[in-house]
């Protein structure tokens, strides 16, 4: 009986370990894929990932299960809304699961102004 309980517990631990490894790799892959798309398709002096969180979050902005924030410094674009639309479309086409991110924030920073664009599940909120 002790042997069966021990094997059962070992099986549960092994299952949790395998699940954790696959979940972590998926999150890391999505985060890296987003950063790669931004760096290869945006003409900016700097692109930084501030935050990538997967898990239940409750804040004044609401409830989310996946949140990401990226800063784009001194980018070359003529209109921030058109640039945000272009980036959003690129991410929808190139990053698997991008549309599952509840709160995705792009912060465009230059010397004169900062623009925050929030995207919820692949839809831009202006």
N, C-alpha and C. Protein backbone atom coordinates (compact mmCIF):
# COMPACT_ATOMS: atom_id res chain seq x y z
N UNK A 1 0.83 -1.20 0.00
CA UNK A 1 0.00 0.00 0.00
C UNK A 1 0.87 1.27 0.00
N UNK A 2 1.95 1.28 0.81
CA UNK A 2 2.84 2.44 0.86
C UNK A 2 3.52 2.65 -0.50
N UNK A 3 3.85 1.52 -1.15
CA UNK A 3 4.51 1.61 -2.44
C UNK A 3 3.58 2.26 -3.47
N UNK A 4 2.31 1.90 -3.45
CA UNK A 4 1.34 2.47 -4.39
C UNK A 4 1.13 3.96 -4.14
N UNK A 5 1.06 4.36 -2.89
CA UNK A 5 0.90 5.78 -2.54
C UNK A 5 2.13 6.57 -2.99
N UNK A 6 3.28 5.99 -2.75
CA UNK A 6 4.53 6.64 -3.18
C UNK A 6 4.59 6.79 -4.69
N UNK A 7 4.23 5.75 -5.43
CA UNK A 7 4.23 5.83 -6.89
C UNK A 7 3.19 6.83 -7.40
N UNK A 8 2.05 6.88 -6.74
CA UNK A 8 1.00 7.84 -7.09
C UNK A 8 1.50 9.28 -6.89
N UNK A 9 2.11 9.54 -5.75
CA UNK A 9 2.64 10.87 -5.45
C UNK A 9 3.75 11.24 -6.44
N UNK A 10 4.61 10.29 -6.76
CA UNK A 10 5.68 10.52 -7.71
C UNK A 10 5.11 10.84 -9.10
N UNK A 11 4.06 10.16 -9.48
CA UNK A 11 3.41 10.42 -10.77
C UNK A 11 2.81 11.82 -10.82
N UNK A 12 2.19 12.24 -9.74
CA UNK A 12 1.62 13.59 -9.68
C UNK A 12 2.72 14.64 -9.78
N UNK A 13 3.80 14.46 -9.04
CA UNK A 13 4.92 15.40 -9.10
C UNK A 13 5.54 15.47 -10.49
N UNK A 14 5.71 14.33 -11.12
CA UNK A 14 6.27 14.30 -12.47
C UNK A 14 5.34 15.02 -13.45
N UNK A 15 4.05 14.80 -13.32
CA UNK A 15 3.07 15.47 -14.18
C UNK A 15 3.10 16.98 -14.00
N UNK A 16 3.18 17.44 -12.75
CA UNK A 16 3.26 18.87 -12.48
C UNK A 16 4.55 19.48 -13.04
N UNK A 17 5.63 18.76 -12.93
CA UNK A 17 6.92 19.23 -13.46
C UNK A 17 6.86 19.38 -14.98
N UNK A 18 6.33 18.38 -15.66
CA UNK A 18 6.21 18.43 -17.12
C UNK A 18 5.29 19.57 -17.54
N UNK A 19 4.17 19.73 -16.86
CA UNK A 19 3.24 20.82 -17.16
C UNK A 19 3.92 22.17 -16.96
N UNK A 20 4.65 22.33 -15.87
CA UNK A 20 5.35 23.59 -15.59
C UNK A 20 6.39 23.93 -16.64
N UNK A 21 7.14 22.94 -17.08
CA UNK A 21 8.16 23.17 -18.10
C UNK A 21 7.52 23.61 -19.41
N UNK A 22 6.45 22.95 -19.85
CA UNK A 22 5.80 23.32 -21.09
C UNK A 22 5.12 24.68 -21.00
N UNK A 23 4.49 24.99 -19.88
CA UNK A 23 3.85 26.29 -19.70
C UNK A 23 4.88 27.40 -19.70
N UNK A 24 5.99 27.24 -18.99
CA UNK A 24 7.04 28.25 -18.94
C UNK A 24 7.62 28.49 -20.32
N UNK A 25 7.88 27.44 -21.07
CA UNK A 25 8.45 27.60 -22.41
C UNK A 25 7.49 28.34 -23.33
N UNK A 26 6.19 28.09 -23.23
CA UNK A 26 5.21 28.78 -24.06
C UNK A 26 5.21 30.27 -23.76
N UNK A 27 5.21 30.64 -22.49
CA UNK A 27 5.22 32.04 -22.09
C UNK A 27 6.49 32.70 -22.57
N UNK A 28 7.62 32.07 -22.34
CA UNK A 28 8.90 32.63 -22.74
C UNK A 28 8.97 32.77 -24.26
N UNK A 29 8.46 31.79 -24.99
CA UNK A 29 8.48 31.84 -26.44
C UNK A 29 7.64 33.00 -26.96
N UNK A 30 6.45 33.24 -26.39
CA UNK A 30 5.59 34.32 -26.83
C UNK A 30 6.24 35.67 -26.54
N UNK A 31 6.79 35.81 -25.37
CA UNK A 31 7.46 37.04 -24.98
C UNK A 31 8.63 37.35 -25.91
N UNK A 32 9.45 36.35 -26.17
CA UNK A 32 10.59 36.53 -27.08
C UNK A 32 10.14 36.79 -28.50
N UNK A 33 9.06 36.14 -28.93
CA UNK A 33 8.55 36.35 -30.28
C UNK A 33 8.06 37.78 -30.47
N UNK A 34 7.39 38.33 -29.48
CA UNK A 34 6.92 39.71 -29.54
C UNK A 34 8.10 40.66 -29.66
N UNK A 35 9.09 40.47 -28.80
CA UNK A 35 10.27 41.33 -28.82
C UNK A 35 11.00 41.24 -30.16
N UNK A 36 11.10 40.05 -30.69
CA UNK A 36 11.77 39.84 -31.98
C UNK A 36 11.02 40.57 -33.11
N UNK A 37 9.69 40.47 -33.13
CA UNK A 37 8.89 41.16 -34.15
C UNK A 37 9.06 42.67 -34.03
N UNK A 38 9.02 43.19 -32.81
CA UNK A 38 9.18 44.62 -32.62
C UNK A 38 10.55 45.10 -33.09
N UNK A 39 11.59 44.37 -32.69
CA UNK A 39 12.96 44.78 -33.05
C UNK A 39 13.22 44.68 -34.55
N UNK A 40 12.62 43.73 -35.21
CA UNK A 40 12.90 43.56 -36.64
C UNK A 40 12.00 44.40 -37.54
N UNK A 41 10.93 44.98 -36.99
CA UNK A 41 9.98 45.72 -37.83
C UNK A 41 9.78 47.18 -37.43
N UNK A 42 10.46 47.63 -36.38
CA UNK A 42 10.31 49.02 -35.94
C UNK A 42 11.66 49.73 -36.00
N UNK A 43 11.64 50.95 -36.50
CA UNK A 43 12.86 51.76 -36.55
C UNK A 43 12.92 52.62 -35.29
N UNK A 44 13.49 52.05 -34.24
CA UNK A 44 13.57 52.73 -32.95
C UNK A 44 15.01 52.68 -32.43
N UNK A 45 15.37 53.68 -31.62
CA UNK A 45 16.69 53.65 -30.99
C UNK A 45 16.78 52.52 -29.97
N UNK A 46 15.66 52.28 -29.28
CA UNK A 46 15.64 51.27 -28.23
C UNK A 46 14.25 50.66 -28.12
N UNK A 47 14.20 49.35 -27.88
CA UNK A 47 12.94 48.66 -27.61
C UNK A 47 13.16 47.82 -26.36
N UNK A 48 12.34 48.08 -25.33
CA UNK A 48 12.50 47.40 -24.05
C UNK A 48 11.21 46.69 -23.65
N UNK A 49 11.38 45.53 -23.09
CA UNK A 49 10.24 44.82 -22.50
C UNK A 49 10.22 45.17 -21.03
N UNK A 50 9.15 45.82 -20.59
CA UNK A 50 9.02 46.17 -19.18
C UNK A 50 8.40 45.06 -18.37
N UNK A 51 7.40 44.41 -18.95
CA UNK A 51 6.61 43.47 -18.17
C UNK A 51 6.01 42.41 -19.07
N UNK A 52 6.05 41.18 -18.60
CA UNK A 52 5.30 40.10 -19.23
C UNK A 52 4.88 39.17 -18.11
N UNK A 53 3.58 39.17 -17.82
CA UNK A 53 3.06 38.39 -16.70
C UNK A 53 1.92 37.52 -17.18
N UNK A 54 1.96 36.29 -16.78
CA UNK A 54 0.86 35.38 -17.07
C UNK A 54 0.35 34.84 -15.73
N UNK A 55 -0.90 35.09 -15.47
CA UNK A 55 -1.52 34.70 -14.22
C UNK A 55 -2.59 35.71 -13.87
N UNK A 56 -3.44 35.41 -12.95
CA UNK A 56 -4.54 36.28 -12.59
C UNK A 56 -4.02 37.55 -11.92
N UNK A 57 -4.41 38.70 -12.49
CA UNK A 57 -4.02 39.99 -11.94
C UNK A 57 -5.27 40.85 -11.80
N UNK A 58 -5.45 41.44 -10.63
CA UNK A 58 -6.56 42.35 -10.39
C UNK A 58 -5.96 43.71 -10.08
N UNK A 59 -6.35 44.72 -10.85
CA UNK A 59 -5.84 46.07 -10.62
C UNK A 59 -6.95 47.07 -10.91
N UNK A 60 -6.61 48.36 -10.79
CA UNK A 60 -7.59 49.39 -11.08
C UNK A 60 -8.01 49.38 -12.55
N UNK A 61 -7.19 48.76 -13.41
CA UNK A 61 -7.51 48.66 -14.84
C UNK A 61 -8.43 47.48 -15.14
N UNK A 62 -8.68 46.62 -14.15
CA UNK A 62 -9.54 45.47 -14.34
C UNK A 62 -8.83 44.17 -14.06
N UNK A 63 -9.41 43.08 -14.49
CA UNK A 63 -8.86 41.75 -14.28
C UNK A 63 -8.23 41.28 -15.58
N UNK A 64 -7.05 40.69 -15.47
CA UNK A 64 -6.40 40.13 -16.66
C UNK A 64 -5.68 38.84 -16.29
N UNK A 65 -5.45 38.02 -17.29
CA UNK A 65 -4.71 36.79 -17.07
C UNK A 65 -3.35 36.82 -17.76
N UNK A 66 -3.17 37.79 -18.66
CA UNK A 66 -1.89 37.92 -19.36
C UNK A 66 -1.69 39.40 -19.68
N UNK A 67 -0.54 39.94 -19.26
CA UNK A 67 -0.24 41.36 -19.43
C UNK A 67 1.17 41.52 -19.97
N UNK A 68 1.33 42.45 -20.92
CA UNK A 68 2.66 42.73 -21.47
C UNK A 68 2.80 44.23 -21.70
N UNK A 69 4.00 44.75 -21.44
CA UNK A 69 4.28 46.17 -21.66
C UNK A 69 5.64 46.30 -22.32
N UNK A 70 5.67 47.10 -23.39
CA UNK A 70 6.90 47.34 -24.14
C UNK A 70 7.09 48.83 -24.34
N UNK A 71 8.33 49.28 -24.27
CA UNK A 71 8.67 50.67 -24.50
C UNK A 71 9.46 50.79 -25.80
N UNK A 72 9.04 51.72 -26.64
CA UNK A 72 9.72 51.97 -27.92
C UNK A 72 10.22 53.42 -27.88
N UNK A 73 11.54 53.59 -27.87
CA UNK A 73 12.12 54.93 -27.74
C UNK A 73 12.60 55.48 -29.07
N UNK A 74 12.24 56.74 -29.30
CA UNK A 74 12.69 57.50 -30.46
C UNK A 74 12.50 56.74 -31.77
N UNK A 75 11.27 56.34 -32.01
CA UNK A 75 10.94 55.60 -33.23
C UNK A 75 10.65 56.55 -34.38
N UNK A 76 10.88 56.06 -35.58
CA UNK A 76 10.58 56.83 -36.78
C UNK A 76 9.21 56.41 -37.30
N UNK A 77 8.24 57.30 -37.19
CA UNK A 77 6.90 57.08 -37.71
C UNK A 77 6.24 58.44 -37.89
N UNK A 78 5.25 58.51 -38.76
CA UNK A 78 4.59 59.80 -39.01
C UNK A 78 3.34 59.96 -38.16
N UNK A 79 2.66 58.87 -37.84
CA UNK A 79 1.41 58.93 -37.07
C UNK A 79 1.39 57.76 -36.09
N UNK A 80 1.25 58.05 -34.80
CA UNK A 80 1.32 57.00 -33.77
C UNK A 80 0.18 55.99 -33.91
N UNK A 81 -0.99 56.43 -34.32
CA UNK A 81 -2.11 55.50 -34.47
C UNK A 81 -1.88 54.53 -35.63
N UNK A 82 -1.36 55.05 -36.74
CA UNK A 82 -1.05 54.18 -37.88
C UNK A 82 0.06 53.20 -37.52
N UNK A 83 1.04 53.68 -36.76
CA UNK A 83 2.14 52.80 -36.34
C UNK A 83 1.63 51.71 -35.40
N UNK A 84 0.76 52.07 -34.48
CA UNK A 84 0.18 51.09 -33.55
C UNK A 84 -0.65 50.06 -34.32
N UNK A 85 -1.42 50.50 -35.29
CA UNK A 85 -2.20 49.58 -36.13
C UNK A 85 -1.28 48.61 -36.88
N UNK A 86 -0.19 49.17 -37.43
CA UNK A 86 0.76 48.34 -38.18
C UNK A 86 1.41 47.29 -37.27
N UNK A 87 1.85 47.71 -36.09
CA UNK A 87 2.48 46.79 -35.14
C UNK A 87 1.49 45.73 -34.68
N UNK A 88 0.28 46.14 -34.37
CA UNK A 88 -0.75 45.20 -33.92
C UNK A 88 -1.00 44.14 -34.99
N UNK A 89 -1.11 44.55 -36.23
CA UNK A 89 -1.35 43.60 -37.32
C UNK A 89 -0.16 42.64 -37.47
N UNK A 90 1.05 43.17 -37.36
CA UNK A 90 2.24 42.30 -37.43
C UNK A 90 2.21 41.25 -36.33
N UNK A 91 1.90 41.68 -35.11
CA UNK A 91 1.88 40.75 -33.98
C UNK A 91 0.76 39.72 -34.13
N UNK A 92 -0.39 40.15 -34.63
CA UNK A 92 -1.49 39.20 -34.87
C UNK A 92 -1.07 38.14 -35.88
N UNK A 93 -0.32 38.55 -36.90
CA UNK A 93 0.08 37.62 -37.96
C UNK A 93 1.28 36.76 -37.60
N UNK A 94 2.17 37.26 -36.74
CA UNK A 94 3.45 36.57 -36.53
C UNK A 94 3.64 35.92 -35.16
N UNK A 95 2.81 36.26 -34.17
CA UNK A 95 3.01 35.71 -32.82
C UNK A 95 1.80 34.86 -32.44
N UNK A 96 2.05 33.58 -32.33
CA UNK A 96 0.98 32.65 -31.95
C UNK A 96 0.49 32.97 -30.54
N UNK A 97 -0.82 33.16 -30.40
CA UNK A 97 -1.41 33.43 -29.09
C UNK A 97 -1.39 34.89 -28.68
N UNK A 98 -0.92 35.78 -29.56
CA UNK A 98 -0.88 37.21 -29.24
C UNK A 98 -2.26 37.73 -28.87
N UNK A 99 -3.28 37.29 -29.57
CA UNK A 99 -4.64 37.77 -29.32
C UNK A 99 -5.18 37.32 -27.96
N UNK A 100 -4.48 36.45 -27.27
CA UNK A 100 -4.89 36.01 -25.94
C UNK A 100 -4.41 36.94 -24.83
N UNK A 101 -3.55 37.89 -25.17
CA UNK A 101 -3.03 38.82 -24.16
C UNK A 101 -4.12 39.83 -23.83
N UNK A 102 -4.55 39.83 -22.58
CA UNK A 102 -5.64 40.70 -22.14
C UNK A 102 -5.27 42.17 -22.19
N UNK A 103 -4.06 42.49 -21.77
CA UNK A 103 -3.63 43.89 -21.70
C UNK A 103 -2.21 44.00 -22.26
N UNK A 104 -2.10 44.58 -23.44
CA UNK A 104 -0.81 44.76 -24.11
C UNK A 104 -0.62 46.26 -24.29
N UNK A 105 0.47 46.79 -23.74
CA UNK A 105 0.71 48.23 -23.79
C UNK A 105 1.99 48.53 -24.55
N UNK A 106 1.87 49.45 -25.49
CA UNK A 106 3.02 49.99 -26.20
C UNK A 106 3.20 51.42 -25.73
N UNK A 107 4.39 51.74 -25.27
CA UNK A 107 4.69 53.11 -24.83
C UNK A 107 5.70 53.69 -25.81
N UNK A 108 5.23 54.63 -26.62
CA UNK A 108 6.09 55.32 -27.58
C UNK A 108 6.67 56.54 -26.89
N UNK A 109 7.98 56.60 -26.76
CA UNK A 109 8.64 57.68 -26.03
C UNK A 109 9.59 58.41 -26.98
N UNK A 110 9.46 59.73 -27.01
CA UNK A 110 10.46 60.55 -27.68
C UNK A 110 10.73 61.76 -26.79
N UNK A 111 11.56 62.67 -27.26
CA UNK A 111 11.97 63.81 -26.41
C UNK A 111 10.80 64.69 -26.00
N UNK A 112 9.83 64.85 -26.87
CA UNK A 112 8.75 65.80 -26.63
C UNK A 112 7.49 65.19 -26.03
N UNK A 113 7.28 63.90 -26.25
CA UNK A 113 5.98 63.33 -25.91
C UNK A 113 6.07 61.83 -25.64
N UNK A 114 5.12 61.34 -24.83
CA UNK A 114 4.96 59.91 -24.60
C UNK A 114 3.53 59.54 -24.95
N UNK A 115 3.37 58.51 -25.76
CA UNK A 115 2.05 58.01 -26.14
C UNK A 115 1.90 56.58 -25.66
N UNK A 116 0.81 56.32 -24.93
CA UNK A 116 0.50 54.96 -24.49
C UNK A 116 -0.63 54.41 -25.34
N UNK A 117 -0.40 53.25 -25.89
CA UNK A 117 -1.43 52.56 -26.68
C UNK A 117 -1.72 51.24 -25.96
N UNK A 118 -2.98 51.01 -25.65
CA UNK A 118 -3.39 49.77 -24.98
C UNK A 118 -4.17 48.91 -25.96
N UNK A 119 -3.79 47.65 -25.99
CA UNK A 119 -4.42 46.68 -26.89
C UNK A 119 -4.96 45.54 -26.03
N UNK A 120 -6.23 45.26 -26.18
CA UNK A 120 -6.85 44.16 -25.43
C UNK A 120 -7.26 43.06 -26.40
N UNK A 121 -6.67 41.90 -26.21
CA UNK A 121 -6.98 40.74 -27.06
C UNK A 121 -6.91 41.07 -28.55
N UNK A 122 -5.87 41.80 -28.94
CA UNK A 122 -5.64 42.11 -30.35
C UNK A 122 -6.45 43.26 -30.90
N UNK A 123 -7.19 43.96 -30.03
CA UNK A 123 -8.00 45.11 -30.47
C UNK A 123 -7.50 46.36 -29.76
N UNK A 124 -7.16 47.38 -30.57
CA UNK A 124 -6.61 48.62 -30.03
C UNK A 124 -7.72 49.48 -29.43
N UNK A 125 -7.43 50.05 -28.26
CA UNK A 125 -8.34 50.97 -27.58
C UNK A 125 -7.80 52.38 -27.75
N UNK A 126 -8.48 53.20 -28.54
CA UNK A 126 -8.06 54.60 -28.70
C UNK A 126 -8.93 55.48 -27.84
